[in-house]
Amino acid sequence: MTLNLKLFGITKDVIGATELEYNVSPSAASVSSLKQKLIEEFRELDSLKSLAIAVNVELSSQDLSISEQDEIALIPPDGRVQVSDIAEVNRFFSSSQRGFRPFIK
């Protein structure tokens, strides 16, 4: 199954793109398995003090199941978000019905 990942801050620099189409096995499609697979492929992600994964504009728990229809974003630790990414992160989260905005300009 192919997931479309949106990348911000240092994750964008590590992976070398702002978006990534990423293949995972449907039987292991959870936030924790996605995170582990990404760390195995992009070793530098393991050095981050934290790495949040948002699914459908909500920060998600590790056991959440994911599907191809989900909108998924990798959110780096607070201190590692570049100023140029703040507007993009806010746009991603502003589509939420709750209006959650993790960063302020």
PDB file of N, CA and C in Angstrom:
ATOM      1  N   MET A   1       0.855  -1.163   0.000  1.00  0.00           N
ATOM      2  CA  MET A   1       0.000   0.000   0.000  1.00  0.00           C
ATOM      3  C   MET A   1       0.903   1.229   0.000  1.00  0.00           C
ATOM      4  N   THR A   2       0.503   2.258  -0.738  1.00  0.00           N
ATOM      5  CA  THR A   2       1.301   3.474  -0.864  1.00  0.00           C
ATOM      6  C   THR A   2       0.695   4.596  -0.033  1.00  0.00           C
ATOM      7  N   LEU A   3       1.521   5.193   0.832  1.00  0.00           N
ATOM      8  CA  LEU A   3       1.114   6.314   1.666  1.00  0.00           C
ATOM      9  C   LEU A   3       1.763   7.582   1.139  1.00  0.00           C
ATOM     10  N   ASN A   4       1.048   8.688   1.204  1.00  0.00           N
ATOM     11  CA  ASN A   4       1.618   9.977   0.831  1.00  0.00           C
ATOM     12  C   ASN A   4       1.943  10.727   2.114  1.00  0.00           C
ATOM     13  N   LEU A   5       3.240  10.957   2.350  1.00  0.00           N
ATOM     14  CA  LEU A   5       3.694  11.615   3.573  1.00  0.00           C
ATOM     15  C   LEU A   5       4.079  13.057   3.285  1.00  0.00           C
ATOM     16  N   LYS A   6       3.654  13.971   4.149  1.00  0.00           N
ATOM     17  CA  LYS A   6       4.077  15.363   4.077  1.00  0.00           C
ATOM     18  C   LYS A   6       5.195  15.528   5.108  1.00  0.00           C
ATOM     19  N   LEU A   7       6.265  16.191   4.697  1.00  0.00           N
ATOM     20  CA  LEU A   7       7.454  16.315   5.536  1.00  0.00           C
ATOM     21  C   LEU A   7       7.709  17.771   5.894  1.00  0.00           C
ATOM     22  N   PHE A   8       8.105  18.000   7.147  1.00  0.00           N
ATOM     23  CA  PHE A   8       8.365  19.349   7.628  1.00  0.00           C
ATOM     24  C   PHE A   8       9.687  19.392   8.380  1.00  0.00           C
ATOM     25  N   GLY A   9      10.283  20.587   8.434  1.00  0.00           N
ATOM     26  CA  GLY A   9      11.492  20.819   9.212  1.00  0.00           C
ATOM     27  C   GLY A   9      12.622  19.885   8.845  1.00  0.00           C
ATOM     28  N   ILE A  10      13.281  19.355   9.851  1.00  0.00           N
ATOM     29  CA  ILE A  10      14.448  18.497   9.654  1.00  0.00           C
ATOM     30  C   ILE A  10      14.093  17.210   8.912  1.00  0.00           C
ATOM     31  N   THR A  11      12.851  16.734   9.026  1.00  0.00           N
ATOM     32  CA  THR A  11      12.472  15.514   8.299  1.00  0.00           C
ATOM     33  C   THR A  11      12.537  15.742   6.791  1.00  0.00           C
ATOM     34  N   LYS A  12      12.193  16.950   6.369  1.00  0.00           N
ATOM     35  CA  LYS A  12      12.269  17.325   4.955  1.00  0.00           C
ATOM     36  C   LYS A  12      13.732  17.297   4.495  1.00  0.00           C
ATOM     37  N   ASP A  13      14.629  17.782   5.344  1.00  0.00           N
ATOM     38  CA  ASP A  13      16.058  17.809   5.005  1.00  0.00           C
ATOM     39  C   ASP A  13      16.654  16.403   4.979  1.00  0.00           C
ATOM     40  N   VAL A  14      16.301  15.571   5.942  1.00  0.00           N
ATOM     41  CA  VAL A  14      16.824  14.202   6.017  1.00  0.00           C
ATOM     42  C   VAL A  14      16.395  13.390   4.799  1.00  0.00           C
ATOM     43  N   ILE A  15      15.129  13.491   4.430  1.00  0.00           N
ATOM     44  CA  ILE A  15      14.586  12.682   3.346  1.00  0.00           C
ATOM     45  C   ILE A  15      14.838  13.334   1.982  1.00  0.00           C
ATOM     46  N   GLY A  16      15.003  14.644   1.983  1.00  0.00           N
ATOM     47  CA  GLY A  16      15.322  15.342   0.744  1.00  0.00           C
ATOM     48  C   GLY A  16      14.127  15.671  -0.121  1.00  0.00           C
ATOM     49  N   ALA A  17      12.971  15.842   0.500  1.00  0.00           N
ATOM     50  CA  ALA A  17      11.753  16.155  -0.247  1.00  0.00           C
ATOM     51  C   ALA A  17      10.735  16.769   0.714  1.00  0.00           C
ATOM     52  N   THR A  18       9.706  17.396   0.159  1.00  0.00           N
ATOM     53  CA  THR A  18       8.628  17.926   0.991  1.00  0.00           C
ATOM     54  C   THR A  18       7.468  16.935   1.109  1.00  0.00           C
ATOM     55  N   GLU A  19       7.422  15.995   0.167  1.00  0.00           N
ATOM     56  CA  GLU A  19       6.430  14.914   0.205  1.00  0.00           C
ATOM     57  C   GLU A  19       7.115  13.632  -0.223  1.00  0.00           C
ATOM     58  N   LEU A  20       6.587  12.515   0.244  1.00  0.00           N
ATOM     59  CA  LEU A  20       7.181  11.218  -0.071  1.00  0.00           C
ATOM     60  C   LEU A  20       6.075  10.187  -0.245  1.00  0.00           C
ATOM     61  N   GLU A  21       6.082   9.490  -1.368  1.00  0.00           N
ATOM     62  CA  GLU A  21       5.196   8.333  -1.532  1.00  0.00           C
ATOM     63  C   GLU A  21       5.955   7.148  -0.971  1.00  0.00           C
ATOM     64  N   TYR A  22       5.353   6.475   0.009  1.00  0.00           N
ATOM     65  CA  TYR A  22       6.068   5.448   0.764  1.00  0.00           C
ATOM     66  C   TYR A  22       5.244   4.165   0.813  1.00  0.00           C
ATOM     67  N   ASN A  23       5.871   3.059   0.466  1.00  0.00           N
ATOM     68  CA  ASN A  23       5.180   1.766   0.440  1.00  0.00           C
ATOM     69  C   ASN A  23       5.342   1.035   1.760  1.00  0.00           C
ATOM     70  N   VAL A  24       4.215   0.542   2.273  1.00  0.00           N
ATOM     71  CA  VAL A  24       4.201  -0.275   3.487  1.00  0.00           C
ATOM     72  C   VAL A  24       3.293  -1.478   3.253  1.00  0.00           C
ATOM     73  N   SER A  25       3.527  -2.499   4.018  1.00  0.00           N
ATOM     74  CA  SER A  25       2.678  -3.682   3.954  1.00  0.00           C
ATOM     75  C   SER A  25       1.335  -3.375   4.618  1.00  0.00           C
ATOM     76  N   PRO A  26       0.221  -3.704   3.980  1.00  0.00           N
ATOM     77  CA  PRO A  26      -1.093  -3.443   4.594  1.00  0.00           C
ATOM     78  C   PRO A  26      -1.264  -4.130   5.949  1.00  0.00           C
ATOM     79  N   SER A  27      -0.620  -5.258   6.138  1.00  0.00           N
ATOM     80  CA  SER A  27      -0.766  -5.981   7.408  1.00  0.00           C
ATOM     81  C   SER A  27      -0.010  -5.311   8.555  1.00  0.00           C
ATOM     82  N   ALA A  28       0.900  -4.407   8.236  1.00  0.00           N
ATOM     83  CA  ALA A  28       1.678  -3.725   9.269  1.00  0.00           C
ATOM     84  C   ALA A  28       1.516  -2.213   9.158  1.00  0.00           C
ATOM     85  N   ALA A  29       0.315  -1.773   8.834  1.00  0.00           N
ATOM     86  CA  ALA A  29       0.081  -0.351   8.605  1.00  0.00           C
ATOM     87  C   ALA A  29      -0.414   0.341   9.870  1.00  0.00           C
ATOM     88  N   SER A  30       0.522   0.669  10.738  1.00  0.00           N
ATOM     89  CA  SER A  30       0.213   1.440  11.937  1.00  0.00           C
ATOM     90  C   SER A  30       1.240   2.555  12.044  1.00  0.00           C
ATOM     91  N   VAL A  31       0.960   3.524  12.881  1.00  0.00           N
ATOM     92  CA  VAL A  31       1.883   4.636  13.065  1.00  0.00           C
ATOM     93  C   VAL A  31       3.235   4.122  13.552  1.00  0.00           C
ATOM     94  N   SER A  32       3.235   3.204  14.512  1.00  0.00           N
ATOM     95  CA  SER A  32       4.511   2.705  15.043  1.00  0.00           C
ATOM     96  C   SER A  32       5.307   1.936  13.992  1.00  0.00           C
ATOM     97  N   SER A  33       4.652   1.123  13.172  1.00  0.00           N
ATOM     98  CA  SER A  33       5.391   0.378  12.148  1.00  0.00           C
ATOM     99  C   SER A  33       5.899   1.316  11.048  1.00  0.00           C
ATOM    100  N   LEU A  34       5.125   2.340  10.700  1.00  0.00           N
ATOM    101  CA  LEU A  34       5.586   3.325   9.725  1.00  0.00           C
ATOM    102  C   LEU A  34       6.819   4.053  10.253  1.00  0.00           C
ATOM    103  N   LYS A  35       6.753   4.483  11.503  1.00  0.00           N
ATOM    104  CA  LYS A  35       7.875   5.198  12.108  1.00  0.00           C
ATOM    105  C   LYS A  35       9.125   4.325  12.132  1.00  0.00           C
ATOM    106  N   GLN A  36       8.976   3.068  12.522  1.00  0.00           N
ATOM    107  CA  GLN A  36      10.115   2.152  12.566  1.00  0.00           C
ATOM    108  C   GLN A  36      10.710   1.933  11.174  1.00  0.00           C
ATOM    109  N   LYS A  37       9.861   1.756  10.187  1.00  0.00           N
ATOM    110  CA  LYS A  37      10.339   1.538   8.821  1.00  0.00           C
ATOM    111  C   LYS A  37      11.072   2.772   8.296  1.00  0.00           C
ATOM    112  N   LEU A  38      10.552   3.954   8.583  1.00  0.00           N
ATOM    113  CA  LEU A  38      11.207   5.187   8.160  1.00  0.00           C
ATOM    114  C   LEU A  38      12.580   5.340   8.820  1.00  0.00           C
ATOM    115  N   ILE A  39      12.662   5.010  10.102  1.00  0.00           N
ATOM    116  CA  ILE A  39      13.941   5.104  10.827  1.00  0.00           C
ATOM    117  C   ILE A  39      14.950   4.102  10.267  1.00  0.00           C
ATOM    118  N   GLU A  40      14.487   2.915   9.891  1.00  0.00           N
ATOM    119  CA  GLU A  40      15.392   1.928   9.294  1.00  0.00           C
ATOM    120  C   GLU A  40      15.945   2.417   7.955  1.00  0.00           C
ATOM    121  N   GLU A  41      15.111   3.089   7.173  1.00  0.00           N
ATOM    122  CA  GLU A  41      15.559   3.555   5.863  1.00  0.00           C
ATOM    123  C   GLU A  41      16.313   4.877   5.924  1.00  0.00           C
ATOM    124  N   PHE A  42      15.859   5.772   6.804  1.00  0.00           N
ATOM    125  CA  PHE A  42      16.481   7.090   6.943  1.00  0.00           C
ATOM    126  C   PHE A  42      17.040   7.191   8.361  1.00  0.00           C
ATOM    127  N   ARG A  43      18.223   6.630   8.559  1.00  0.00           N
ATOM    128  CA  ARG A  43      18.841   6.484   9.884  1.00  0.00           C
ATOM    129  C   ARG A  43      18.917   7.777  10.693  1.00  0.00           C
ATOM    130  N   GLU A  44      19.089   8.903  10.019  1.00  0.00           N
ATOM    131  CA  GLU A  44      19.237  10.179  10.733  1.00  0.00           C
ATOM    132  C   GLU A  44      17.976  10.540  11.530  1.00  0.00           C
ATOM    133  N   LEU A  45      16.819  10.011  11.136  1.00  0.00           N
ATOM    134  CA  LEU A  45      15.580  10.268  11.889  1.00  0.00           C
ATOM    135  C   LEU A  45      15.672   9.729  13.311  1.00  0.00           C
ATOM    136  N   ASP A  46      16.460   8.673  13.501  1.00  0.00           N
ATOM    137  CA  ASP A  46      16.600   8.069  14.825  1.00  0.00           C
ATOM    138  C   ASP A  46      17.318   8.995  15.800  1.00  0.00           C
ATOM    139  N   SER A  47      18.079   9.958  15.302  1.00  0.00           N
ATOM    140  CA  SER A  47      18.817  10.866  16.181  1.00  0.00           C
ATOM    141  C   SER A  47      17.950  12.026  16.693  1.00  0.00           C
ATOM    142  N   LEU A  48      16.738  12.172  16.148  1.00  0.00           N
ATOM    143  CA  LEU A  48      15.846  13.232  16.623  1.00  0.00           C
ATOM    144  C   LEU A  48      15.348  12.896  18.024  1.00  0.00           C
ATOM    145  N   LYS A  49      15.208  13.917  18.875  1.00  0.00           N
ATOM    146  CA  LYS A  49      14.747  13.652  20.240  1.00  0.00           C
ATOM    147  C   LYS A  49      13.290  13.187  20.261  1.00  0.00           C
ATOM    148  N   SER A  50      12.549  13.556  19.237  1.00  0.00           N
ATOM    149  CA  SER A  50      11.179  13.059  19.095  1.00  0.00           C
ATOM    150  C   SER A  50      10.762  13.245  17.639  1.00  0.00           C
ATOM    151  N   LEU A  51       9.743  12.510  17.264  1.00  0.00           N
ATOM    152  CA  LEU A  51       9.199  12.622  15.914  1.00  0.00           C
ATOM    153  C   LEU A  51       7.723  12.274  16.004  1.00  0.00           C
ATOM    154  N   ALA A  52       6.892  13.290  15.863  1.00  0.00           N
ATOM    155  CA  ALA A  52       5.449  13.061  15.925  1.00  0.00           C
ATOM    156  C   ALA A  52       4.930  12.761  14.526  1.00  0.00           C
ATOM    157  N   ILE A  53       3.914  11.927  14.478  1.00  0.00           N
ATOM    158  CA  ILE A  53       3.247  11.634  13.215  1.00  0.00           C
ATOM    159  C   ILE A  53       1.783  12.038  13.365  1.00  0.00           C
ATOM    160  N   ALA A  54       1.355  12.909  12.456  1.00  0.00           N
ATOM    161  CA  ALA A  54      -0.040  13.339  12.440  1.00  0.00           C
ATOM    162  C   ALA A  54      -0.765  12.569  11.347  1.00  0.00           C
ATOM    163  N   VAL A  55      -1.957  12.095  11.683  1.00  0.00           N
ATOM    164  CA  VAL A  55      -2.796  11.389  10.715  1.00  0.00           C
ATOM    165  C   VAL A  55      -4.123  12.129  10.658  1.00  0.00           C
ATOM    166  N   ASN A  56      -4.467  12.559   9.445  1.00  0.00           N
ATOM    167  CA  ASN A  56      -5.703  13.316   9.240  1.00  0.00           C
ATOM    168  C   ASN A  56      -5.787  14.510  10.186  1.00  0.00           C
ATOM    169  N   VAL A  57      -4.724  15.278  10.207  1.00  0.00           N
ATOM    170  CA  VAL A  57      -4.540  16.519  10.957  1.00  0.00           C
ATOM    171  C   VAL A  57      -4.654  16.391  12.475  1.00  0.00           C
ATOM    172  N   GLU A  58      -4.436  15.196  12.997  1.00  0.00           N
ATOM    173  CA  GLU A  58      -4.402  15.010  14.440  1.00  0.00           C
ATOM    174  C   GLU A  58      -3.156  14.224  14.819  1.00  0.00           C
ATOM    175  N   LEU A  59      -2.464  14.708  15.847  1.00  0.00           N
ATOM    176  CA  LEU A  59      -1.327  13.944  16.333  1.00  0.00           C
ATOM    177  C   LEU A  59      -1.855  12.595  16.781  1.00  0.00           C
ATOM    178  N   SER A  60      -1.162  11.526  16.402  1.00  0.00           N
ATOM    179  CA  SER A  60      -1.733  10.199  16.565  1.00  0.00           C
ATOM    180  C   SER A  60      -0.979   9.345  17.574  1.00  0.00           C
ATOM    181  N   SER A  61      -1.688   8.344  18.082  1.00  0.00           N
ATOM    182  CA  SER A  61      -1.071   7.369  18.971  1.00  0.00           C
ATOM    183  C   SER A  61      -0.295   6.360  18.131  1.00  0.00           C
ATOM    184  N   GLN A  62       0.639   5.678  18.749  1.00  0.00           N
ATOM    185  CA  GLN A  62       1.514   4.747  18.045  1.00  0.00           C
ATOM    186  C   GLN A  62       0.752   3.550  17.464  1.00  0.00           C
ATOM    187  N   ASP A  63      -0.359   3.157  18.071  1.00  0.00           N
ATOM    188  CA  ASP A  63      -1.067   1.962  17.618  1.00  0.00           C
ATOM    189  C   ASP A  63      -2.173   2.253  16.592  1.00  0.00           C
ATOM    190  N   LEU A  64      -2.318   3.500  16.191  1.00  0.00           N
ATOM    191  CA  LEU A  64      -3.345   3.864  15.220  1.00  0.00           C
ATOM    192  C   LEU A  64      -3.072   3.201  13.878  1.00  0.00           C
ATOM    193  N   SER A  65      -4.093   2.571  13.300  1.00  0.00           N
ATOM    194  CA  SER A  65      -3.979   1.984  11.964  1.00  0.00           C
ATOM    195  C   SER A  65      -4.072   3.085  10.924  1.00  0.00           C
ATOM    196  N   ILE A  66      -3.329   2.923   9.823  1.00  0.00           N
ATOM    197  CA  ILE A  66      -3.340   3.918   8.763  1.00  0.00           C
ATOM    198  C   ILE A  66      -3.692   3.259   7.437  1.00  0.00           C
ATOM    199  N   SER A  67      -4.237   4.084   6.524  1.00  0.00           N
ATOM    200  CA  SER A  67      -4.619   3.575   5.211  1.00  0.00           C
ATOM    201  C   SER A  67      -4.148   4.551   4.135  1.00  0.00           C
ATOM    202  N   GLU A  68      -4.289   4.139   2.882  1.00  0.00           N
ATOM    203  CA  GLU A  68      -3.868   4.978   1.764  1.00  0.00           C
ATOM    204  C   GLU A  68      -4.634   6.293   1.693  1.00  0.00           C
ATOM    205  N   GLN A  69      -5.827   6.318   2.217  1.00  0.00           N
ATOM    206  CA  GLN A  69      -6.645   7.521   2.158  1.00  0.00           C
ATOM    207  C   GLN A  69      -6.252   8.552   3.219  1.00  0.00           C
ATOM    208  N   ASP A  70      -5.462   8.163   4.203  1.00  0.00           N
ATOM    209  CA  ASP A  70      -5.090   9.067   5.285  1.00  0.00           C
ATOM    210  C   ASP A  70      -4.081  10.113   4.829  1.00  0.00           C
ATOM    211  N   GLU A  71      -4.191  11.302   5.404  1.00  0.00           N
ATOM    212  CA  GLU A  71      -3.205  12.354   5.185  1.00  0.00           C
ATOM    213  C   GLU A  71      -2.229  12.267   6.355  1.00  0.00           C
ATOM    214  N   ILE A  72      -0.968  12.030   6.043  1.00  0.00           N
ATOM    215  CA  ILE A  72       0.030  11.754   7.073  1.00  0.00           C
ATOM    216  C   ILE A  72       1.146  12.786   6.992  1.00  0.00           C
ATOM    217  N   ALA A  73       1.561  13.297   8.152  1.00  0.00           N
ATOM    218  CA  ALA A  73       2.644  14.282   8.196  1.00  0.00           C
ATOM    219  C   ALA A  73       3.647  13.897   9.273  1.00  0.00           C
ATOM    220  N   LEU A  74       4.921  14.096   8.977  1.00  0.00           N
ATOM    221  CA  LEU A  74       5.985  13.908   9.954  1.00  0.00           C
ATOM    222  C   LEU A  74       6.306  15.270  10.556  1.00  0.00           C
ATOM    223  N   ILE A  75       6.131  15.393  11.856  1.00  0.00           N
ATOM    224  CA  ILE A  75       6.337  16.651  12.564  1.00  0.00           C
ATOM    225  C   ILE A  75       7.564  16.498  13.456  1.00  0.00           C
ATOM    226  N   PRO A  76       8.635  17.249  13.177  1.00  0.00           N
ATOM    227  CA  PRO A  76       9.864  17.129  13.963  1.00  0.00           C
ATOM    228  C   PRO A  76       9.713  17.778  15.337  1.00  0.00           C
ATOM    229  N   PRO A  77      10.710  17.597  16.196  1.00  0.00           N
ATOM    230  CA  PRO A  77      10.669  18.242  17.518  1.00  0.00           C
ATOM    231  C   PRO A  77      10.518  19.757  17.370  1.00  0.00           C
ATOM    232  N   ASP A  78       9.871  20.392  18.341  1.00  0.00           N
ATOM    233  CA  ASP A  78       9.598  21.835  18.285  1.00  0.00           C
ATOM    234  C   ASP A  78      10.813  22.669  17.906  1.00  0.00           C
ATOM    235  N   GLY A  79      11.923  22.403  18.513  1.00  0.00           N
ATOM    236  CA  GLY A  79      13.109  23.211  18.299  1.00  0.00           C
ATOM    237  C   GLY A  79      13.742  23.029  16.939  1.00  0.00           C
ATOM    238  N   ARG A  80      13.298  22.061  16.161  1.00  0.00           N
ATOM    239  CA  ARG A  80      13.923  21.775  14.878  1.00  0.00           C
ATOM    240  C   ARG A  80      13.049  22.178  13.691  1.00  0.00           C
ATOM    241  N   VAL A  81      11.978  22.935  13.926  1.00  0.00           N
ATOM    242  CA  VAL A  81      11.129  23.401  12.830  1.00  0.00           C
ATOM    243  C   VAL A  81      11.704  24.702  12.295  1.00  0.00           C
ATOM    244  N   GLN A  82      11.905  24.775  11.017  1.00  0.00           N
ATOM    245  CA  GLN A  82      12.443  25.984  10.399  1.00  0.00           C
ATOM    246  C   GLN A  82      11.331  27.005  10.238  1.00  0.00           C
ATOM    247  N   VAL A  83      11.690  28.269  10.360  1.00  0.00           N
ATOM    248  CA  VAL A  83      10.705  29.339  10.243  1.00  0.00           C
ATOM    249  C   VAL A  83       9.923  29.223   8.939  1.00  0.00           C
ATOM    250  N   SER A  84      10.582  28.857   7.865  1.00  0.00           N
ATOM    251  CA  SER A  84       9.902  28.740   6.575  1.00  0.00           C
ATOM    252  C   SER A  84       8.854  27.632   6.562  1.00  0.00           C
ATOM    253  N   ASP A  85       8.944  26.678   7.487  1.00  0.00           N
ATOM    254  CA  ASP A  85       7.983  25.579   7.552  1.00  0.00           C
ATOM    255  C   ASP A  85       6.746  25.897   8.389  1.00  0.00           C
ATOM    256  N   ILE A  86       6.810  26.923   9.225  1.00  0.00           N
ATOM    257  CA  ILE A  86       5.709  27.192  10.154  1.00  0.00           C
ATOM    258  C   ILE A  86       4.400  27.424   9.415  1.00  0.00           C
ATOM    259  N   ALA A  87       4.413  28.225   8.370  1.00  0.00           N
ATOM    260  CA  ALA A  87       3.181  28.488   7.618  1.00  0.00           C
ATOM    261  C   ALA A  87       2.636  27.202   7.000  1.00  0.00           C
ATOM    262  N   GLU A  88       3.519  26.348   6.488  1.00  0.00           N
ATOM    263  CA  GLU A  88       3.082  25.092   5.868  1.00  0.00           C
ATOM    264  C   GLU A  88       2.491  24.137   6.909  1.00  0.00           C
ATOM    265  N   VAL A  89       3.107  24.036   8.081  1.00  0.00           N
ATOM    266  CA  VAL A  89       2.570  23.188   9.157  1.00  0.00           C
ATOM    267  C   VAL A  89       1.209  23.719   9.575  1.00  0.00           C
ATOM    268  N   ASN A  90       1.106  25.034   9.727  1.00  0.00           N
ATOM    269  CA  ASN A  90      -0.181  25.627  10.103  1.00  0.00           C
ATOM    270  C   ASN A  90      -1.251  25.354   9.056  1.00  0.00           C
ATOM    271  N   ARG A  91      -0.909  25.435   7.769  1.00  0.00           N
ATOM    272  CA  ARG A  91      -1.882  25.122   6.713  1.00  0.00           C
ATOM    273  C   ARG A  91      -2.348  23.679   6.816  1.00  0.00           C
ATOM    274  N   PHE A  92      -1.402  22.772   7.097  1.00  0.00           N
ATOM    275  CA  PHE A  92      -1.755  21.362   7.228  1.00  0.00           C
ATOM    276  C   PHE A  92      -2.766  21.166   8.355  1.00  0.00           C
ATOM    277  N   PHE A  93      -2.492  21.774   9.509  1.00  0.00           N
ATOM    278  CA  PHE A  93      -3.371  21.579  10.654  1.00  0.00           C
ATOM    279  C   PHE A  93      -4.622  22.443  10.615  1.00  0.00           C
ATOM    280  N   SER A  94      -4.611  23.534   9.873  1.00  0.00           N
ATOM    281  CA  SER A  94      -5.775  24.417   9.878  1.00  0.00           C
ATOM    282  C   SER A  94      -6.985  23.794   9.192  1.00  0.00           C
ATOM    283  N   SER A  95      -6.790  22.715   8.458  1.00  0.00           N
ATOM    284  CA  SER A  95      -7.933  22.046   7.837  1.00  0.00           C
ATOM    285  C   SER A  95      -8.727  21.222   8.850  1.00  0.00           C
ATOM    286  N   SER A  96      -8.209  21.093  10.051  1.00  0.00           N
ATOM    287  CA  SER A  96      -8.909  20.362  11.098  1.00  0.00           C
ATOM    288  C   SER A  96     -10.162  21.127  11.536  1.00  0.00           C
ATOM    289  N   GLN A  97     -11.228  20.407  11.800  1.00  0.00           N
ATOM    290  CA  GLN A  97     -12.458  21.023  12.288  1.00  0.00           C
ATOM    291  C   GLN A  97     -12.233  21.725  13.627  1.00  0.00           C
ATOM    292  N   ARG A  98     -11.272  21.235  14.392  1.00  0.00           N
ATOM    293  CA  ARG A  98     -10.987  21.830  15.694  1.00  0.00           C
ATOM    294  C   ARG A  98     -10.112  23.064  15.584  1.00  0.00           C
ATOM    295  N   GLY A  99      -9.528  23.285  14.416  1.00  0.00           N
ATOM    296  CA  GLY A  99      -8.687  24.459  14.223  1.00  0.00           C
ATOM    297  C   GLY A  99      -7.369  24.381  14.980  1.00  0.00           C
ATOM    298  N   PHE A 100      -6.896  23.196  15.306  1.00  0.00           N
ATOM    299  CA  PHE A 100      -5.646  23.010  16.031  1.00  0.00           C
ATOM    300  C   PHE A 100      -4.488  23.598  15.245  1.00  0.00           C
ATOM    301  N   ARG A 101      -3.688  24.435  15.884  1.00  0.00           N
ATOM    302  CA  ARG A 101      -2.532  25.034  15.235  1.00  0.00           C
ATOM    303  C   ARG A 101      -1.334  24.853  16.175  1.00  0.00           C
ATOM    304  N   PRO A 102      -0.407  23.942  15.822  1.00  0.00           N
ATOM    305  CA  PRO A 102       0.685  23.641  16.741  1.00  0.00           C
ATOM    306  C   PRO A 102       1.755  24.709  16.826  1.00  0.00           C
ATOM    307  N   PHE A 103       1.859  25.588  15.834  1.00  0.00           N
ATOM    308  CA  PHE A 103       2.897  26.605  15.827  1.00  0.00           C
ATOM    309  C   PHE A 103       2.279  27.955  15.510  1.00  0.00           C
ATOM    310  N   ILE A 104       2.832  28.991  16.066  1.00  0.00           N
ATOM    311  CA  ILE A 104       2.354  30.344  15.811  1.00  0.00           C
ATOM    312  C   ILE A 104       3.476  31.126  15.158  1.00  0.00           C
ATOM    313  N   LYS A 105       3.165  31.896  14.144  1.00  0.00           N
ATOM    314  CA  LYS A 105       4.178  32.727  13.478  1.00  0.00           C
ATOM    315  C   LYS A 105       4.671  33.795  14.408  1.00  0.00           C
TER     316      LYS A 105
END
